[in-house]
């Protein structure tokens, strides 16, 4: 049996590109390879890393207890990109951080749940408004 050769009917065989959904990858691909160099997500990441003042976000966690929160850089990247591409609800953002390459790349393969996203947005509403103005 020739790999990729499929009987299409009426005795005609057609070669298709290999399709092996269960194939094991020896080296998992980097998300960085899947995101084009000029992608909007890369621009958002650069702005967050180099242009925005996130000190108000970090300062609000100085005296908190409990589980460590998500890094504000991650959350701002996800929220800012989400607003740019029309993904605004916390549940949609949660799903996108799992399913969409650009969001997965921005979140560095972490997947904040919708409650964490919603709490972050509520806690930092004023600071987020300031960040959005800085980004413009």
Foldseek 3Di string as FASTA:
>chain_A
DDAQWDDPDPRDIDGDDHDDPPDDDPDDDDLVVVADPPDVLVVLLCCLVPPFDCVVVVVVCPPDDDDDAQPVQLLLSLCVVCVVVVNHQLQSSLVCCQPPSSNVVSNVNDRDHSVSSVVSCVVCVVVSVVRVVRVD
